[in-house]
């Protein structure tokens, strides 16, 4: 067992400086004057002041209009020699504000009930719940200066500038300095790929501002969805304009608008929902618009949208929807001219009654299959075929391409979940697939399994890929099946990575079989049905196993 990794006491400062220096070396021309001043002011500080600032910047303080709040007396960091002096210097530099003018409602959450009770001008029961206590103190018009006289507050300033630095470094605001810690502790490993300095994700300041605006809107989404149609429409109006040359922003805006439009549908604001869907490029925007049109009595509009989808589907799921919904609508309205009933595949199905146990239904079914049919059975769901594909094409996934890799903490190339991922690497993928035979596949998979084990790959779930499972899969599954499976996955990697069967069994007599397990009350999802239809077209052995619980 490897010895535990010990980080330096001020590891966080090293990581902060690495991020800030990285961004300045690549984006200085795109940073605002205030952001460049933030960088310069921070570098001018002594080490203790830098340590304290990054400590507070990285912590979750009490939010306020003046910035995240902390009580100075509550702060203690062994690596900071003189914390009070460091705080004084940060106040002088403007990176902290001491005792900012804030409302009492923002101040009270910093203090415990025991600290607040003595401040009441009338006796209050100790059993009083905190919200009622705060309300009572506010109604008394309490003097809050007593709270901060001997216990000054510190408000972090310029945090918004660091948000810009993080956005430029990661390309998003979902990641943060924690990524360094996880890597340095050995809990997360990243592939060593070449960083592209010439094709960075942001080309101009306006693009940065649009992404920052997007994240501002995203931060209030949950509250907005619960606040009614008017609030949703107000937030939608605040979204940045899409940029046809910024596919990443377009995807993010689509995802946000789809979420808001779907909530508007639930609130029966159908016209407003339709207008938002019209601004979206990605599915299921056209599907939702067709459903809204029919729900509002616009049968021609709904059928026209279905025909548009069928003429140029953006994905398989969209095409299947248009075939089914268009036919059902035309049949109900007795307008079947040009509409044929879509074929529906019924997979081989078996129902068994099994005793309930303290594990998931898939594992119960796997144990039963091993006894009933013979041969090992593994619970793999979406991990086996994706994982072996990831091991087989590892070098192609992480190959240098313009704009693919721009920071050292990427699990995948920046375009991995986009329609461009396969076309931009088509030649390499086609050559690799043309080389695929049993020996070549096994050699590449085992080589990368041994050399890359534990390194993050968007297709590989290491914990799910045991050596016995890989051995059986590579021996039993024909190369022709790997070919078609890999081609379908690569054709739409964002959508086809899910919906694969739960189990794979390897009968004692040879071969293999994929088994989709459905517990009581469960039924096949659309993506699972599409995979089953694919299996029958390519003669891949499969079945559906319905499990019912035995009555004791």
Protein backbone atom coordinates (compact mmCIF):
# COMPACT_ATOMS: atom_id res chain seq x y z
CA UNK A 1 0.00 0.00 0.00
CA UNK A 2 1.53 3.36 -1.05
CA UNK A 3 2.49 5.76 1.73
CA UNK A 4 -0.01 8.59 2.25
CA UNK A 5 0.88 11.81 0.46
CA UNK A 6 1.60 14.80 2.69
CA UNK A 7 0.93 18.19 1.16
CA UNK A 8 2.94 21.27 2.08
CA UNK A 9 1.18 23.42 4.72
CA UNK A 10 0.53 26.15 2.14
CA UNK A 11 -0.20 23.86 -0.84
CA UNK A 12 -3.24 26.00 -1.61
CA UNK A 13 -1.08 29.08 -2.23
CA UNK A 14 1.17 27.18 -4.62
CA UNK A 15 -1.91 26.06 -6.55
CA UNK A 16 -3.44 29.53 -6.59
CA UNK A 17 -0.25 31.05 -7.97
CA UNK A 18 0.06 28.31 -10.58
CA UNK A 19 -3.47 29.03 -11.80
CA UNK A 20 -3.05 32.81 -11.79
CA UNK A 21 0.35 32.71 -13.52
CA UNK A 22 -0.98 30.26 -16.12
CA UNK A 23 -3.85 32.61 -17.00
CA UNK A 24 -1.68 35.72 -17.09
CA UNK A 25 0.77 34.04 -19.46
CA UNK A 26 -2.02 33.22 -21.91
CA UNK A 27 -4.80 35.78 -21.43
CA UNK A 28 -3.21 38.98 -20.13
CA UNK A 29 -4.44 40.94 -23.15
CA UNK A 30 -8.04 39.83 -22.51
CA UNK A 31 -8.10 40.59 -18.79
CA UNK A 32 -9.62 43.84 -17.56
CA UNK A 33 -7.55 46.53 -15.87
CA UNK A 34 -9.12 45.57 -12.51
CA UNK A 35 -8.23 41.90 -13.02
CA UNK A 36 -4.63 42.73 -13.90
CA UNK A 37 -4.46 45.01 -10.85
CA UNK A 38 -5.82 42.18 -8.69
CA UNK A 39 -3.01 39.95 -9.94
CA UNK A 40 -0.36 42.62 -9.33
CA UNK A 41 -1.67 43.57 -5.88
CA UNK A 42 -1.71 39.95 -4.80
CA UNK A 43 1.86 39.35 -5.97
CA UNK A 44 3.00 42.45 -4.06
CA UNK A 45 1.82 40.94 -0.76
CA UNK A 46 4.03 39.11 1.71
CA UNK A 47 3.61 35.33 2.01
CA UNK A 48 1.45 35.36 5.15
CA UNK A 49 -0.98 37.82 3.61
CA UNK A 50 -1.15 35.77 0.44
CA UNK A 51 -1.83 32.64 2.48
CA UNK A 52 -4.62 34.26 4.46
CA UNK A 53 -6.30 35.69 1.37
CA UNK A 54 -6.32 32.38 -0.49
CA UNK A 55 -7.54 30.58 2.63
CA UNK A 56 -10.53 32.92 2.88
CA UNK A 57 -11.14 33.03 -0.86
CA UNK A 58 -11.34 29.23 -0.91
CA UNK A 59 -13.66 28.94 2.11
CA UNK A 60 -17.40 29.37 2.19
CA UNK A 61 -18.07 32.37 4.34
CA UNK A 62 -21.41 33.95 5.17
CA UNK A 63 -22.60 35.71 2.01
CA UNK A 64 -23.34 39.41 2.15
CA UNK A 65 -23.56 42.42 -0.09
CA UNK A 66 -20.02 43.32 1.01
CA UNK A 67 -18.52 39.92 0.15
CA UNK A 68 -18.07 36.65 2.02
CA UNK A 69 -17.86 37.37 5.74
CA UNK A 70 -15.59 35.86 8.39
CA UNK A 71 -15.03 36.59 12.07
CA UNK A 72 -11.34 37.38 12.52
CA UNK A 73 -11.20 35.87 16.00
CA UNK A 74 -12.44 32.55 14.63
CA UNK A 75 -9.57 32.25 12.13
CA UNK A 76 -6.54 30.12 12.99
CA UNK A 77 -3.99 28.72 10.54
CA UNK A 78 -0.75 27.19 11.81
CA UNK A 79 1.22 28.15 8.71
CA UNK A 80 0.37 31.86 9.07
CA UNK A 81 2.74 33.42 11.59
CA UNK A 82 0.92 36.64 12.48
CA UNK A 83 -2.66 36.41 11.26
CA UNK A 84 -3.72 39.82 12.64
CA UNK A 85 -0.86 41.57 10.82
CA UNK A 86 -1.64 39.67 7.62
CA UNK A 87 -5.27 40.77 7.88
CA UNK A 88 -4.16 44.39 8.39
CA UNK A 89 -2.04 44.28 5.23
CA UNK A 90 -4.89 42.75 3.23
CA UNK A 91 -7.20 45.51 4.42
CA UNK A 92 -4.61 48.10 3.37
CA UNK A 93 -4.34 46.50 -0.08
CA UNK A 94 -8.12 46.45 -0.54
CA UNK A 95 -8.36 42.65 -0.77
CA UNK A 96 -10.18 42.52 2.58
CA UNK A 97 -12.64 44.98 4.12
CA UNK A 98 -12.89 45.19 7.89
CA UNK A 99 -16.29 45.67 9.54
CA UNK A 100 -18.18 46.57 6.36
CA UNK A 101 -21.50 48.38 6.66
CA UNK A 102 -24.08 45.63 6.25
CA UNK A 103 -27.65 44.98 7.29
CA UNK A 104 -28.29 43.22 10.58
CA UNK A 105 -29.91 40.38 8.64
CA UNK A 106 -26.51 39.68 7.07
CA UNK A 107 -24.62 40.02 10.35
CA UNK A 108 -26.63 37.77 12.69
CA UNK A 109 -25.90 34.44 10.89
CA UNK A 110 -22.22 34.83 11.87
CA UNK A 111 -23.00 34.38 15.56
CA UNK A 112 -24.31 31.48 17.60
CA UNK A 113 -27.56 31.46 19.56
CA UNK A 114 -25.56 31.55 22.79
CA UNK A 115 -23.86 34.76 21.63
CA UNK A 116 -27.09 36.39 20.43
CA UNK A 117 -29.42 35.67 23.39
CA UNK A 118 -27.69 38.12 25.81
CA UNK A 119 -28.16 40.94 23.30
CA UNK A 120 -31.95 40.90 23.69
CA UNK A 121 -33.40 43.81 25.62
CA UNK A 122 -35.98 41.44 27.15
CA UNK A 123 -35.48 37.89 28.42
CA UNK A 124 -35.96 35.25 25.72
CA UNK A 125 -36.31 31.48 26.29
CA UNK A 126 -33.21 29.47 25.41
CA UNK A 127 -35.49 27.01 23.60
CA UNK A 128 -36.41 29.68 21.04
CA UNK A 129 -35.58 28.50 17.52
CA UNK A 130 -32.95 30.48 15.67
CA UNK A 131 -35.23 32.11 13.05
CA UNK A 132 -37.55 33.36 15.81
CA UNK A 133 -34.56 34.60 17.84
CA UNK A 134 -33.19 36.59 14.91
CA UNK A 135 -36.63 38.00 14.18
CA UNK A 136 -37.04 39.09 17.81
CA UNK A 137 -33.66 40.85 17.83
CA UNK A 138 -34.42 42.62 14.57
CA UNK A 139 -37.77 43.84 15.88
CA UNK A 140 -36.01 45.25 18.96
CA UNK A 141 -33.73 47.29 16.69
CA UNK A 142 -30.67 45.90 18.44
CA UNK A 143 -27.34 47.71 18.29
CA UNK A 144 -25.06 45.42 16.26
CA UNK A 145 -21.91 47.42 16.96
CA UNK A 146 -21.45 45.44 20.17
CA UNK A 147 -21.00 42.28 18.10
CA UNK A 148 -18.11 43.60 16.05
CA UNK A 149 -16.36 45.90 18.52
CA UNK A 150 -14.18 43.17 19.99
CA UNK A 151 -14.67 40.66 17.19
CA UNK A 152 -14.04 42.38 13.85
CA UNK A 153 -15.49 41.04 10.64
CA UNK A 154 -13.52 40.53 7.43
CA UNK A 155 -15.19 40.68 4.03
CA UNK A 156 -13.34 39.15 1.07
CA UNK A 157 -12.95 41.57 -1.84
CA UNK A 158 -12.19 40.99 -5.55
CA UNK A 159 -13.52 37.41 -5.52
CA UNK A 160 -15.19 38.14 -8.85
CA UNK A 161 -11.78 38.67 -10.43
CA UNK A 162 -10.66 35.21 -9.38
CA UNK A 163 -13.83 33.82 -10.99
CA UNK A 164 -12.55 35.21 -14.30
CA UNK A 165 -9.16 33.59 -13.73
CA UNK A 166 -10.81 30.24 -13.00
CA UNK A 167 -13.00 30.51 -16.10
CA UNK A 168 -9.99 31.22 -18.30
CA UNK A 169 -8.01 28.37 -16.78
CA UNK A 170 -10.63 25.61 -16.72
CA UNK A 171 -12.97 26.84 -19.45
CA UNK A 172 -15.79 26.49 -16.91
CA UNK A 173 -16.71 27.42 -13.34
CA UNK A 174 -17.51 23.87 -12.23
CA UNK A 175 -13.88 23.12 -11.41
CA UNK A 176 -11.71 24.87 -8.85
CA UNK A 177 -8.48 24.57 -6.86
CA UNK A 178 -9.72 21.25 -5.45
CA UNK A 179 -8.59 19.61 -8.70
CA UNK A 180 -4.97 20.27 -7.75
CA UNK A 181 -5.46 18.71 -4.33
CA UNK A 182 -7.10 15.57 -5.70
CA UNK A 183 -4.28 15.16 -8.20
CA UNK A 184 -1.50 15.84 -5.72
CA UNK A 185 -2.99 13.39 -3.24
CA UNK A 186 -3.04 10.74 -5.96
CA UNK A 187 -6.83 10.46 -5.80
CA UNK A 188 -7.23 11.57 -9.40
CA UNK A 189 -4.83 11.08 -12.28
CA UNK A 190 -4.91 12.91 -15.60
CA UNK A 191 -3.40 11.92 -18.90
CA UNK A 192 -0.22 13.74 -19.89
CA UNK A 193 -1.26 15.54 -23.08
CA UNK A 194 0.22 18.48 -24.92
CA UNK A 195 -1.32 21.84 -23.95
CA UNK A 196 -2.34 24.02 -26.88
CA UNK A 197 -1.32 27.67 -26.36
CA UNK A 198 -2.37 28.72 -29.86
CA UNK A 199 -6.02 27.62 -29.76
CA UNK A 200 -7.38 28.76 -26.40
CA UNK A 201 -11.10 28.56 -25.59
CA UNK A 202 -11.51 32.34 -25.32
CA UNK A 203 -10.57 34.60 -28.22
CA UNK A 204 -11.77 38.00 -27.01
CA UNK A 205 -13.08 39.79 -23.92
CA UNK A 206 -16.69 39.79 -25.12
CA UNK A 207 -16.60 36.00 -25.20
CA UNK A 208 -15.37 35.86 -21.60
CA UNK A 209 -18.14 38.24 -20.51
CA UNK A 210 -20.79 36.07 -22.20
CA UNK A 211 -19.61 32.99 -20.32
CA UNK A 212 -19.51 34.89 -17.02
CA UNK A 213 -23.06 36.09 -17.65
CA UNK A 214 -24.13 32.51 -18.36
CA UNK A 215 -22.74 31.34 -15.01
CA UNK A 216 -24.40 34.24 -13.20
CA UNK A 217 -27.73 33.09 -14.62
CA UNK A 218 -26.99 29.44 -13.84
CA UNK A 219 -26.31 30.31 -10.19
CA UNK A 220 -29.91 31.46 -9.69
CA UNK A 221 -31.61 28.85 -11.88
CA UNK A 222 -32.94 26.58 -9.12
CA UNK A 223 -34.57 29.43 -7.21
CA UNK A 224 -35.98 30.85 -10.43
CA UNK A 225 -37.60 27.58 -11.49
CA UNK A 226 -39.53 27.58 -8.22
CA UNK A 227 -40.63 31.21 -8.62
CA UNK A 228 -43.10 30.96 -11.50
CA UNK A 229 -43.29 31.73 -15.20
CA UNK A 230 -42.59 35.48 -14.94
CA UNK A 231 -39.33 34.85 -13.05
CA UNK A 232 -38.26 32.27 -15.61
CA UNK A 233 -38.91 34.64 -18.50
CA UNK A 234 -37.04 37.43 -16.72
CA UNK A 235 -34.01 35.17 -16.29
CA UNK A 236 -34.25 34.01 -19.91
CA UNK A 237 -34.06 37.66 -21.03
CA UNK A 238 -30.81 38.06 -19.08
CA UNK A 239 -29.00 35.24 -20.87
CA UNK A 240 -26.13 36.31 -23.12
CA UNK A 241 -26.56 36.21 -26.86
CA UNK A 242 -25.35 33.04 -28.53
CA UNK A 243 -22.19 33.16 -30.62
CA UNK A 244 -22.21 30.96 -33.72
CA UNK A 245 -18.43 30.54 -33.40
CA UNK A 246 -18.63 29.48 -29.74
CA UNK A 247 -20.07 25.97 -29.73
CA UNK A 248 -19.38 25.56 -26.01
CA UNK A 249 -21.49 28.58 -25.07
CA UNK A 250 -24.24 27.48 -27.45
CA UNK A 251 -24.38 24.05 -25.75
CA UNK A 252 -24.51 25.66 -22.31
CA UNK A 253 -27.24 28.10 -23.31
CA UNK A 254 -29.23 25.31 -24.94
CA UNK A 255 -29.04 23.22 -21.79
CA UNK A 256 -30.23 26.16 -19.66
CA UNK A 257 -33.02 27.17 -22.03
CA UNK A 258 -34.24 23.59 -22.37
CA UNK A 259 -34.51 23.36 -18.59
CA UNK A 260 -36.39 26.65 -18.32
CA UNK A 261 -38.68 25.89 -21.24
CA UNK A 262 -39.57 22.48 -19.81
CA UNK A 263 -40.58 24.14 -16.53
CA UNK A 264 -42.70 26.65 -18.46
CA UNK A 265 -44.47 23.69 -20.06
CA UNK A 266 -45.24 22.26 -16.62
CA UNK A 267 -46.63 25.68 -15.67
CA UNK A 268 -48.77 25.56 -18.86
CA UNK A 269 -47.05 28.64 -20.30
CA UNK A 270 -46.86 26.87 -23.66
CA UNK A 271 -46.33 29.86 -25.95
CA UNK A 272 -43.47 31.14 -23.81
CA UNK A 273 -41.95 27.65 -23.71
CA UNK A 274 -42.16 27.39 -27.49
CA UNK A 275 -40.34 30.70 -27.91
CA UNK A 276 -37.48 29.48 -25.72
CA UNK A 277 -37.28 26.16 -27.56
CA UNK A 278 -36.96 28.07 -30.85
CA UNK A 279 -33.69 29.54 -29.56
CA UNK A 280 -32.23 26.06 -28.94
CA UNK A 281 -30.19 24.12 -31.46
CA UNK A 282 -29.86 20.76 -29.73
CA UNK A 283 -32.52 18.09 -29.16
CA UNK A 284 -35.09 17.73 -27.78
CA UNK A 285 -36.08 21.31 -28.69
CA UNK A 286 -37.89 20.35 -31.91
CA UNK A 287 -39.56 17.40 -30.16
CA UNK A 288 -40.92 19.65 -27.42
CA UNK A 289 -42.12 22.19 -29.99
CA UNK A 290 -44.00 19.47 -31.88
CA UNK A 291 -45.66 18.30 -28.67
CA UNK A 292 -46.62 21.89 -27.77
CA UNK A 293 -48.06 22.54 -31.23
CA UNK A 294 -50.28 19.46 -31.04
CA UNK A 295 -51.30 20.24 -27.44
CA UNK A 296 -52.44 23.70 -28.60
CA UNK A 297 -54.41 22.25 -31.50
CA UNK A 298 -51.90 23.16 -34.22
CA UNK A 299 -51.82 19.72 -35.85
CA UNK A 300 -50.29 21.02 -39.10
CA UNK A 301 -47.47 22.69 -37.17
CA UNK A 302 -46.76 19.57 -35.13
CA UNK A 303 -46.70 17.27 -38.17
CA UNK A 304 -44.55 19.75 -40.11
CA UNK A 305 -41.98 19.72 -37.33
CA UNK A 306 -41.97 15.92 -37.35
CA UNK A 307 -41.33 15.92 -41.11
CA UNK A 308 -38.50 18.44 -40.65
CA UNK A 309 -36.91 16.15 -38.07
CA UNK A 310 -37.23 13.10 -40.32
CA UNK A 311 -35.68 15.00 -43.24
CA UNK A 312 -32.60 15.92 -41.16
CA UNK A 313 -32.53 14.26 -37.72
CA UNK A 314 -29.92 15.56 -35.29
CA UNK A 315 -29.77 12.25 -33.45
CA UNK A 316 -31.35 8.82 -33.44
CA UNK A 317 -33.62 9.61 -30.49
CA UNK A 318 -35.07 12.60 -32.32
CA UNK A 319 -35.72 10.51 -35.43
CA UNK A 320 -37.47 7.75 -33.47
CA UNK A 321 -39.65 10.35 -31.75
CA UNK A 322 -40.71 11.96 -35.03
CA UNK A 323 -41.63 8.59 -36.57
CA UNK A 324 -43.70 7.55 -33.57
CA UNK A 325 -45.29 10.86 -32.56
CA UNK A 326 -45.98 11.91 -36.13
CA UNK A 327 -47.69 8.61 -36.92
CA UNK A 328 -49.78 8.58 -33.73
CA UNK A 329 -50.88 12.17 -34.27
CA UNK A 330 -51.73 11.59 -37.95
CA UNK A 331 -53.66 8.42 -37.09
CA UNK A 332 -55.67 10.14 -34.35
CA UNK A 333 -56.53 12.99 -36.70
CA UNK A 334 -57.25 10.58 -39.59
CA UNK A 335 -54.53 12.18 -41.71
CA UNK A 336 -52.34 9.15 -42.37
CA UNK A 337 -51.34 10.10 -45.91
CA UNK A 338 -47.53 9.70 -46.03
CA UNK A 339 -47.29 8.30 -42.49
CA UNK A 340 -46.41 4.66 -41.93
CA UNK A 341 -46.56 2.84 -38.63
CA UNK A 342 -43.03 2.63 -37.23
CA UNK A 343 -41.70 -0.84 -36.63
CA UNK A 344 -41.36 -1.79 -32.98
CA UNK A 345 -39.02 -4.54 -31.92
CA UNK A 346 -40.02 -6.86 -29.10
CA UNK A 347 -36.90 -8.36 -27.55
CA UNK A 348 -36.91 -11.96 -26.23
CA UNK A 349 -38.36 -11.63 -22.75
CA UNK A 350 -38.50 -13.89 -19.71
CA UNK A 351 -40.14 -13.35 -16.33
CA UNK A 352 -38.81 -14.99 -13.16
CA UNK A 353 -39.90 -14.87 -9.54
CA UNK A 354 -36.96 -14.50 -7.17
CA UNK A 355 -36.68 -13.99 -3.41
CA UNK A 356 -35.81 -10.41 -2.45
CA UNK A 357 -32.36 -9.83 -0.99
CA UNK A 358 -30.26 -7.00 0.43
CA UNK A 359 -28.72 -6.08 -2.94
CA UNK A 360 -29.84 -4.49 -6.18
CA UNK A 361 -32.12 -6.41 -8.53
CA UNK A 362 -29.38 -6.65 -11.17
CA UNK A 363 -27.05 -8.54 -8.85
CA UNK A 364 -29.88 -10.80 -7.72
CA UNK A 365 -30.62 -11.59 -11.37
CA UNK A 366 -26.93 -12.19 -12.12
CA UNK A 367 -26.63 -14.68 -9.26
CA UNK A 368 -29.75 -16.49 -10.45
CA UNK A 369 -28.49 -16.68 -14.04
CA UNK A 370 -25.17 -18.19 -12.95
CA UNK A 371 -27.02 -20.99 -11.17
CA UNK A 372 -29.89 -21.46 -13.61
CA UNK A 373 -28.06 -21.16 -16.94
CA UNK A 374 -24.43 -21.77 -15.95
CA UNK A 375 -21.36 -19.67 -16.59
CA UNK A 376 -20.19 -16.38 -15.05
CA UNK A 377 -22.47 -13.35 -15.23
CA UNK A 378 -21.22 -9.78 -14.67
CA UNK A 379 -23.09 -6.57 -13.84
CA UNK A 380 -21.67 -4.13 -16.40
CA UNK A 381 -24.46 -1.79 -17.57
CA UNK A 382 -22.74 1.00 -19.57
CA UNK A 383 -19.17 0.27 -18.47
CA UNK A 384 -17.98 -2.71 -20.51
CA UNK A 385 -18.37 -1.62 -24.13
CA UNK A 386 -17.54 2.01 -23.38
CA UNK A 387 -14.51 0.93 -21.37
CA UNK A 388 -13.08 -1.39 -23.98
CA UNK A 389 -13.65 1.25 -26.66
CA UNK A 390 -11.82 3.78 -24.48
CA UNK A 391 -8.88 1.42 -24.02
CA UNK A 392 -8.75 0.57 -27.73
CA UNK A 393 -8.76 4.20 -28.97
CA UNK A 394 -7.00 5.79 -25.98
CA UNK A 395 -4.31 7.52 -28.01
CA UNK A 396 -6.85 8.96 -30.46
CA UNK A 397 -9.00 10.42 -27.66
CA UNK A 398 -5.98 12.19 -26.16
CA UNK A 399 -4.23 13.09 -29.42
CA UNK A 400 -3.24 16.74 -29.84
CA UNK A 401 -5.79 18.71 -31.86
CA UNK A 402 -6.32 22.49 -32.10
CA UNK A 403 -8.22 23.59 -29.00
CA UNK A 404 -8.68 20.09 -27.59
CA UNK A 405 -6.52 20.47 -24.47
CA UNK A 406 -5.82 23.80 -22.81
CA UNK A 407 -5.35 22.97 -19.11
CA UNK A 408 -3.80 20.00 -17.26
CA UNK A 409 -7.06 18.93 -15.55
CA UNK A 410 -9.13 17.71 -18.48
CA UNK A 411 -10.71 14.27 -18.37
CA UNK A 412 -11.43 14.51 -22.09
CA UNK A 413 -10.82 16.77 -25.09
CA UNK A 414 -12.98 19.88 -25.08
CA UNK A 415 -15.14 18.64 -27.98
CA UNK A 416 -15.72 15.14 -26.62
CA UNK A 417 -19.49 15.49 -26.17
CA UNK A 418 -20.06 17.47 -29.36
CA UNK A 419 -21.09 16.30 -32.84
CA UNK A 420 -17.60 17.29 -34.04
CA UNK A 421 -15.73 14.72 -31.94
CA UNK A 422 -15.89 11.86 -34.43
CA UNK A 423 -15.72 13.82 -37.74
CA UNK A 424 -12.59 15.72 -36.66
CA UNK A 425 -10.85 12.40 -35.95
CA UNK A 426 -12.56 10.35 -38.62
CA UNK A 427 -9.39 9.26 -40.44
CA UNK A 428 -7.73 8.01 -37.26
CA UNK A 429 -10.87 6.24 -36.04
CA UNK A 430 -11.56 4.62 -39.40
CA UNK A 431 -8.01 3.33 -39.63
CA UNK A 432 -8.19 1.93 -36.10
CA UNK A 433 -11.52 0.22 -36.80
CA UNK A 434 -10.17 -1.22 -40.05
CA UNK A 435 -7.35 -2.81 -38.06
CA UNK A 436 -9.72 -4.37 -35.56
CA UNK A 437 -9.44 -8.12 -35.17
CA UNK A 438 -9.37 -10.30 -32.09
CA UNK A 439 -5.58 -10.16 -31.65
CA UNK A 440 -5.17 -6.45 -32.37
CA UNK A 441 -8.05 -5.49 -30.09
CA UNK A 442 -6.76 -7.60 -27.21
CA UNK A 443 -3.20 -6.33 -27.60
CA UNK A 444 -4.19 -2.63 -27.49
CA UNK A 445 -6.70 -3.09 -24.68
CA UNK A 446 -4.29 -4.97 -22.43
CA UNK A 447 -1.43 -2.60 -23.19
CA UNK A 448 -3.47 0.44 -22.15
CA UNK A 449 -5.02 -1.41 -19.23
CA UNK A 450 -1.51 -2.05 -17.87
CA UNK A 451 0.06 1.31 -18.75
CA UNK A 452 -2.85 3.69 -18.12
CA UNK A 453 -4.58 2.07 -15.17
CA UNK A 454 -6.21 4.70 -12.96
CA UNK A 455 -5.82 7.61 -15.38
CA UNK A 456 -9.07 9.46 -16.07
CA UNK A 457 -10.68 8.68 -19.42
CA UNK A 458 -14.27 9.73 -20.21
CA UNK A 459 -15.08 6.22 -21.48
CA UNK A 460 -13.32 4.11 -18.85
CA UNK A 461 -14.70 3.28 -15.40
CA UNK A 462 -11.70 1.48 -13.93
CA UNK A 463 -13.50 -0.03 -10.96
CA UNK A 464 -15.92 -1.80 -13.29
CA UNK A 465 -13.27 -3.42 -15.51
CA UNK A 466 -11.83 -6.45 -13.76
CA UNK A 467 -9.23 -8.60 -15.49
CA UNK A 468 -11.48 -11.72 -15.50
CA UNK A 469 -14.28 -9.70 -17.14
CA UNK A 470 -11.97 -8.24 -19.79
CA UNK A 471 -10.47 -11.65 -20.50
CA UNK A 472 -13.86 -13.25 -21.12
CA UNK A 473 -15.19 -10.32 -23.16
CA UNK A 474 -12.16 -10.21 -25.44
CA UNK A 475 -12.20 -13.98 -25.91
CA UNK A 476 -15.94 -14.51 -26.39
CA UNK A 477 -17.25 -11.46 -28.26
CA UNK A 478 -16.52 -11.68 -32.03
CA UNK A 479 -14.54 -8.92 -33.71
CA UNK A 480 -17.49 -8.21 -36.02
CA UNK A 481 -19.63 -7.38 -32.98
CA UNK A 482 -16.95 -5.08 -31.55
CA UNK A 483 -16.83 -3.32 -34.92
CA UNK A 484 -20.53 -2.45 -35.04
CA UNK A 485 -20.71 -1.64 -31.34
CA UNK A 486 -17.79 0.75 -31.57
CA UNK A 487 -19.19 2.43 -34.67
CA UNK A 488 -22.53 3.07 -33.02
CA UNK A 489 -20.90 4.47 -29.88
CA UNK A 490 -18.62 6.78 -31.86
CA UNK A 491 -21.41 7.97 -34.15
CA UNK A 492 -23.11 9.79 -31.24
CA UNK A 493 -20.96 9.35 -28.19
CA UNK A 494 -22.94 11.79 -26.06
CA UNK A 495 -26.20 9.88 -26.44
CA UNK A 496 -25.16 6.30 -27.18
CA UNK A 497 -22.95 5.80 -24.11
CA UNK A 498 -26.03 5.01 -22.01
CA UNK A 499 -28.88 2.53 -22.30
CA UNK A 500 -26.71 -0.59 -22.65
CA UNK A 501 -27.86 -3.83 -20.94
CA UNK A 502 -27.21 -4.40 -17.26
CA UNK A 503 -25.60 -7.85 -17.47
CA UNK A 504 -23.33 -9.89 -19.67
CA UNK A 505 -23.22 -13.66 -19.20
CA UNK A 506 -20.71 -16.10 -20.59
CA UNK A 507 -22.35 -19.55 -20.90
CA UNK A 508 -20.26 -22.62 -20.10
CA UNK A 509 -20.84 -23.77 -23.69
CA UNK A 510 -19.23 -20.61 -25.11
CA UNK A 511 -20.35 -17.30 -26.58
CA UNK A 512 -22.01 -14.52 -24.62
CA UNK A 513 -25.40 -12.93 -23.99
CA UNK A 514 -26.49 -9.43 -22.97
CA UNK A 515 -29.33 -9.24 -20.44
CA UNK A 516 -31.40 -6.18 -19.58
CA UNK A 517 -32.93 -6.59 -16.11
CA UNK A 518 -36.20 -4.99 -15.11
CA UNK A 519 -37.42 -5.11 -11.55
CA UNK A 520 -41.05 -4.91 -10.38
CA UNK A 521 -42.76 -1.86 -11.90
CA UNK A 522 -39.78 -1.01 -14.11
CA UNK A 523 -39.94 -0.81 -17.89
CA UNK A 524 -37.63 -0.27 -20.82
CA UNK A 525 -36.47 3.26 -21.51
CA UNK A 526 -36.31 4.70 -25.01
CA UNK A 527 -32.51 4.50 -25.27
CA UNK A 528 -32.60 0.88 -24.07
CA UNK A 529 -35.18 0.01 -26.71
CA UNK A 530 -32.97 1.54 -29.40
CA UNK A 531 -30.02 -0.56 -28.28
CA UNK A 532 -32.14 -3.73 -28.33
CA UNK A 533 -33.30 -2.95 -31.87
CA UNK A 534 -29.65 -2.46 -32.84
CA UNK A 535 -28.71 -5.83 -31.33
CA UNK A 536 -31.27 -7.74 -33.39
CA UNK A 537 -30.13 -6.03 -36.61
CA UNK A 538 -26.56 -7.18 -35.95
CA UNK A 539 -27.34 -10.59 -34.48
CA UNK A 540 -25.94 -9.71 -31.07
CA UNK A 541 -27.41 -12.15 -28.49
CA UNK A 542 -29.69 -10.44 -25.99
CA UNK A 543 -32.84 -10.73 -23.90
CA UNK A 544 -34.89 -8.90 -21.29
CA UNK A 545 -35.34 -10.45 -17.86
CA UNK A 546 -38.27 -9.25 -15.77
CA UNK A 547 -37.87 -9.99 -12.06
CA UNK A 548 -40.84 -10.37 -9.75
CA UNK A 549 -40.51 -10.89 -6.01
CA UNK A 550 -41.53 -14.23 -4.61
CA UNK A 551 -44.27 -14.04 -2.01
CA UNK A 552 -43.03 -15.64 1.21
